[in-house]
PDB file of N, CA and C in Angstrom:
ATOM      1  N   MET A   1      11.867   8.286  -0.555  1.00  0.00           N
ATOM      2  CA  MET A   1      11.568   7.432   0.577  1.00  0.00           C
ATOM      3  C   MET A   1      10.163   6.871   0.380  1.00  0.00           C
ATOM      4  N   GLY A   2       9.976   5.636   0.790  1.00  0.00           N
ATOM      5  CA  GLY A   2       8.693   4.972   0.628  1.00  0.00           C
ATOM      6  C   GLY A   2       7.635   5.476   1.585  1.00  0.00           C
ATOM      7  N   VAL A   3       6.480   4.893   1.475  1.00  0.00           N
ATOM      8  CA  VAL A   3       5.361   5.239   2.350  1.00  0.00           C
ATOM      9  C   VAL A   3       5.309   4.223   3.488  1.00  0.00           C
ATOM     10  N   PHE A   4       5.269   4.714   4.702  1.00  0.00           N
ATOM     11  CA  PHE A   4       5.179   3.872   5.887  1.00  0.00           C
ATOM     12  C   PHE A   4       3.860   4.191   6.579  1.00  0.00           C
ATOM     13  N   THR A   5       3.019   3.185   6.787  1.00  0.00           N
ATOM     14  CA  THR A   5       1.715   3.380   7.412  1.00  0.00           C
ATOM     15  C   THR A   5       1.700   2.658   8.749  1.00  0.00           C
ATOM     16  N   PHE A   6       1.240   3.356   9.795  1.00  0.00           N
ATOM     17  CA  PHE A   6       1.239   2.801  11.134  1.00  0.00           C
ATOM     18  C   PHE A   6      -0.158   2.837  11.746  1.00  0.00           C
ATOM     19  N   VAL A   7      -0.428   1.866  12.588  1.00  0.00           N
ATOM     20  CA  VAL A   7      -1.638   1.861  13.402  1.00  0.00           C
ATOM     21  C   VAL A   7      -1.195   2.280  14.796  1.00  0.00           C
ATOM     22  N   CYS A   8      -1.802   3.347  15.310  1.00  0.00           N
ATOM     23  CA  CYS A   8      -1.424   3.884  16.615  1.00  0.00           C
ATOM     24  C   CYS A   8      -2.575   3.730  17.594  1.00  0.00           C
ATOM     25  N   ARG A   9      -2.211   3.533  18.861  1.00  0.00           N
ATOM     26  CA  ARG A   9      -3.247   3.465  19.896  1.00  0.00           C
ATOM     27  C   ARG A   9      -2.681   3.965  21.218  1.00  0.00           C
ATOM     28  N   SER A  10      -3.588   4.390  22.061  1.00  0.00           N
ATOM     29  CA  SER A  10      -3.228   4.866  23.392  1.00  0.00           C
ATOM     30  C   SER A  10      -3.899   3.979  24.429  1.00  0.00           C
ATOM     31  N   LYS A  11      -3.113   3.563  25.401  1.00  0.00           N
ATOM     32  CA  LYS A  11      -3.656   2.747  26.478  1.00  0.00           C
ATOM     33  C   LYS A  11      -2.908   3.084  27.766  1.00  0.00           C
ATOM     34  N   GLY A  12      -3.658   3.506  28.761  1.00  0.00           N
ATOM     35  CA  GLY A  12      -3.050   3.819  30.052  1.00  0.00           C
ATOM     36  C   GLY A  12      -2.027   4.932  30.001  1.00  0.00           C
ATOM     37  N   GLY A  13      -2.218   5.895  29.114  1.00  0.00           N
ATOM     38  CA  GLY A  13      -1.291   7.019  29.033  1.00  0.00           C
ATOM     39  C   GLY A  13      -0.060   6.739  28.190  1.00  0.00           C
ATOM     40  N   GLU A  14       0.054   5.552  27.628  1.00  0.00           N
ATOM     41  CA  GLU A  14       1.186   5.179  26.775  1.00  0.00           C
ATOM     42  C   GLU A  14       0.700   5.035  25.340  1.00  0.00           C
ATOM     43  N   TRP A  15       1.448   5.591  24.413  1.00  0.00           N
ATOM     44  CA  TRP A  15       1.135   5.478  22.994  1.00  0.00           C
ATOM     45  C   TRP A  15       1.991   4.386  22.378  1.00  0.00           C
ATOM     46  N   SER A  16       1.394   3.621  21.469  1.00  0.00           N
ATOM     47  CA  SER A  16       2.144   2.590  20.753  1.00  0.00           C
ATOM     48  C   SER A  16       1.744   2.611  19.291  1.00  0.00           C
ATOM     49  N   ALA A  17       2.635   2.107  18.451  1.00  0.00           N
ATOM     50  CA  ALA A  17       2.372   2.063  17.020  1.00  0.00           C
ATOM     51  C   ALA A  17       3.026   0.829  16.422  1.00  0.00           C
ATOM     52  N   LYS A  18       2.362   0.267  15.418  1.00  0.00           N
ATOM     53  CA  LYS A  18       2.884  -0.879  14.695  1.00  0.00           C
ATOM     54  C   LYS A  18       2.690  -0.613  13.220  1.00  0.00           C
ATOM     55  N   GLN A  19       3.714  -0.905  12.441  1.00  0.00           N
ATOM     56  CA  GLN A  19       3.637  -0.704  11.002  1.00  0.00           C
ATOM     57  C   GLN A  19       2.581  -1.636  10.423  1.00  0.00           C
ATOM     58  N   LEU A  20       1.748  -1.108   9.545  1.00  0.00           N
ATOM     59  CA  LEU A  20       0.651  -1.876   8.967  1.00  0.00           C
ATOM     60  C   LEU A  20       1.168  -3.073   8.174  1.00  0.00           C
ATOM     61  N   GLU A  21       2.173  -2.849   7.356  1.00  0.00           N
ATOM     62  CA  GLU A  21       2.763  -3.939   6.575  1.00  0.00           C
ATOM     63  C   GLU A  21       4.274  -3.886   6.744  1.00  0.00           C
ATOM     64  N   GLY A  22       4.772  -4.411   7.836  1.00  0.00           N
ATOM     65  CA  GLY A  22       6.202  -4.397   8.108  1.00  0.00           C
ATOM     66  C   GLY A  22       6.483  -4.755   9.549  1.00  0.00           C
ATOM     67  N   GLU A  23       7.715  -4.504   9.957  1.00  0.00           N
ATOM     68  CA  GLU A  23       8.170  -4.947  11.267  1.00  0.00           C
ATOM     69  C   GLU A  23       8.418  -3.816  12.264  1.00  0.00           C
ATOM     70  N   ILE A  24       8.204  -2.577  11.867  1.00  0.00           N
ATOM     71  CA  ILE A  24       8.523  -1.457  12.747  1.00  0.00           C
ATOM     72  C   ILE A  24       7.450  -1.306  13.818  1.00  0.00           C
ATOM     73  N   GLU A  25       7.892  -1.215  15.068  1.00  0.00           N
ATOM     74  CA  GLU A  25       7.009  -0.981  16.216  1.00  0.00           C
ATOM     75  C   GLU A  25       7.708  -0.030  17.170  1.00  0.00           C
ATOM     76  N   SER A  26       6.932   0.720  17.918  1.00  0.00           N
ATOM     77  CA  SER A  26       7.505   1.588  18.931  1.00  0.00           C
ATOM     78  C   SER A  26       6.428   2.006  19.923  1.00  0.00           C
ATOM     79  N   SER A  27       6.878   2.542  21.047  1.00  0.00           N
ATOM     80  CA  SER A  27       5.947   3.090  22.034  1.00  0.00           C
ATOM     81  C   SER A  27       6.611   4.273  22.721  1.00  0.00           C
ATOM     82  N   ALA A  28       5.776   5.150  23.268  1.00  0.00           N
ATOM     83  CA  ALA A  28       6.286   6.361  23.909  1.00  0.00           C
ATOM     84  C   ALA A  28       5.206   6.954  24.798  1.00  0.00           C
ATOM     85  N   ALA A  29       5.619   7.900  25.621  1.00  0.00           N
ATOM     86  CA  ALA A  29       4.698   8.544  26.554  1.00  0.00           C
ATOM     87  C   ALA A  29       3.840   9.619  25.878  1.00  0.00           C
ATOM     88  N   SER A  30       4.308  10.149  24.732  1.00  0.00           N
ATOM     89  CA  SER A  30       3.549  11.198  24.049  1.00  0.00           C
ATOM     90  C   SER A  30       3.525  10.926  22.553  1.00  0.00           C
ATOM     91  N   THR A  31       2.568  11.543  21.866  1.00  0.00           N
ATOM     92  CA  THR A  31       2.483  11.369  20.413  1.00  0.00           C
ATOM     93  C   THR A  31       3.702  11.987  19.728  1.00  0.00           C
ATOM     94  N   TYR A  32       4.202  13.072  20.288  1.00  0.00           N
ATOM     95  CA  TYR A  32       5.388  13.720  19.711  1.00  0.00           C
ATOM     96  C   TYR A  32       6.585  12.776  19.767  1.00  0.00           C
ATOM     97  N   GLU A  33       6.821  12.185  20.921  1.00  0.00           N
ATOM     98  CA  GLU A  33       7.935  11.257  21.089  1.00  0.00           C
ATOM     99  C   GLU A  33       7.748  10.027  20.196  1.00  0.00           C
ATOM    100  N   LEU A  34       6.524   9.534  20.105  1.00  0.00           N
ATOM    101  CA  LEU A  34       6.234   8.376  19.255  1.00  0.00           C
ATOM    102  C   LEU A  34       6.530   8.706  17.791  1.00  0.00           C
ATOM    103  N   GLN A  35       6.105   9.863  17.341  1.00  0.00           N
ATOM    104  CA  GLN A  35       6.358  10.269  15.962  1.00  0.00           C
ATOM    105  C   GLN A  35       7.856  10.340  15.679  1.00  0.00           C
ATOM    106  N   ARG A  36       8.609  10.911  16.587  1.00  0.00           N
ATOM    107  CA  ARG A  36      10.070  11.001  16.405  1.00  0.00           C
ATOM    108  C   ARG A  36      10.693   9.623  16.289  1.00  0.00           C
ATOM    109  N   LYS A  37      10.271   8.690  17.147  1.00  0.00           N
ATOM    110  CA  LYS A  37      10.816   7.334  17.109  1.00  0.00           C
ATOM    111  C   LYS A  37      10.466   6.635  15.797  1.00  0.00           C
ATOM    112  N   LEU A  38       9.228   6.817  15.336  1.00  0.00           N
ATOM    113  CA  LEU A  38       8.800   6.166  14.107  1.00  0.00           C
ATOM    114  C   LEU A  38       9.530   6.726  12.891  1.00  0.00           C
ATOM    115  N   VAL A  39       9.750   8.034  12.855  1.00  0.00           N
ATOM    116  CA  VAL A  39      10.496   8.649  11.752  1.00  0.00           C
ATOM    117  C   VAL A  39      11.923   8.109  11.735  1.00  0.00           C
ATOM    118  N   GLN A  40      12.554   8.012  12.893  1.00  0.00           N
ATOM    119  CA  GLN A  40      13.913   7.471  12.960  1.00  0.00           C
ATOM    120  C   GLN A  40      13.948   6.024  12.475  1.00  0.00           C
ATOM    121  N   ALA A  41      13.005   5.211  12.929  1.00  0.00           N
ATOM    122  CA  ALA A  41      12.970   3.798  12.546  1.00  0.00           C
ATOM    123  C   ALA A  41      12.702   3.638  11.055  1.00  0.00           C
ATOM    124  N   ALA A  42      11.776   4.424  10.505  1.00  0.00           N
ATOM    125  CA  ALA A  42      11.458   4.339   9.083  1.00  0.00           C
ATOM    126  C   ALA A  42      12.642   4.799   8.231  1.00  0.00           C
ATOM    127  N   THR A  43      13.322   5.838   8.656  1.00  0.00           N
ATOM    128  CA  THR A  43      14.500   6.324   7.935  1.00  0.00           C
ATOM    129  C   THR A  43      15.596   5.274   7.937  1.00  0.00           C
ATOM    130  N   PHE A  44      15.831   4.672   9.076  1.00  0.00           N
ATOM    131  CA  PHE A  44      16.838   3.614   9.189  1.00  0.00           C
ATOM    132  C   PHE A  44      16.483   2.447   8.267  1.00  0.00           C
ATOM    133  N   ARG A  45      15.224   2.021   8.282  1.00  0.00           N
ATOM    134  CA  ARG A  45      14.773   0.906   7.439  1.00  0.00           C
ATOM    135  C   ARG A  45      14.954   1.252   5.962  1.00  0.00           C
ATOM    136  N   HIS A  46      14.612   2.474   5.593  1.00  0.00           N
ATOM    137  CA  HIS A  46      14.756   2.915   4.204  1.00  0.00           C
ATOM    138  C   HIS A  46      16.223   2.844   3.772  1.00  0.00           C
ATOM    139  N   HIS A  47      17.130   3.325   4.628  1.00  0.00           N
ATOM    140  CA  HIS A  47      18.556   3.294   4.296  1.00  0.00           C
ATOM    141  C   HIS A  47      19.071   1.861   4.207  1.00  0.00           C
ATOM    142  N   GLN A  48      18.582   0.982   5.058  1.00  0.00           N
ATOM    143  CA  GLN A  48      18.962  -0.430   4.988  1.00  0.00           C
ATOM    144  C   GLN A  48      18.571  -1.008   3.635  1.00  0.00           C
ATOM    145  N   GLN A  49      17.368  -0.717   3.199  1.00  0.00           N
ATOM    146  CA  GLN A  49      16.882  -1.238   1.918  1.00  0.00           C
ATOM    147  C   GLN A  49      17.714  -0.705   0.758  1.00  0.00           C
ATOM    148  N   MET A  50      18.097   0.561   0.833  1.00  0.00           N
ATOM    149  CA  MET A  50      18.924   1.141  -0.227  1.00  0.00           C
ATOM    150  C   MET A  50      20.279   0.453  -0.294  1.00  0.00           C
ATOM    151  N   VAL A  51      20.886   0.175   0.844  1.00  0.00           N
ATOM    152  CA  VAL A  51      22.197  -0.479   0.884  1.00  0.00           C
ATOM    153  C   VAL A  51      22.070  -1.894   0.317  1.00  0.00           C
ATOM    154  N   MET A  52      21.014  -2.609   0.677  1.00  0.00           N
ATOM    155  CA  MET A  52      20.837  -3.970   0.183  1.00  0.00           C
ATOM    156  C   MET A  52      20.664  -3.982  -1.336  1.00  0.00           C
ATOM    157  N   GLU A  53      20.034  -2.963  -1.884  1.00  0.00           N
ATOM    158  CA  GLU A  53      19.850  -2.890  -3.334  1.00  0.00           C
ATOM    159  C   GLU A  53      21.177  -2.650  -4.048  1.00  0.00           C
ATOM    160  N   LEU A  54      22.111  -1.982  -3.367  1.00  0.00           N
ATOM    161  CA  LEU A  54      23.411  -1.693  -3.976  1.00  0.00           C
ATOM    162  C   LEU A  54      24.323  -2.919  -3.957  1.00  0.00           C
ATOM    163  N   LEU A  55      24.074  -3.855  -3.056  1.00  0.00           N
ATOM    164  CA  LEU A  55      24.956  -5.028  -2.940  1.00  0.00           C
ATOM    165  C   LEU A  55      24.662  -6.084  -3.945  1.00  0.00           C
TER     166      LEU A  55
END
């Protein structure tokens, strides 16, 4: 799996993150929830890329 780098910030009790070089973004009430969402999104993106390479 590739390397995914995110910029994270907290504002008003809400955490948000945006991929440094890509399209993945997410937000959540806690860092734990944000991390889970980002891992799911990055895994999905990785699998999409693998499928496209096979076609």
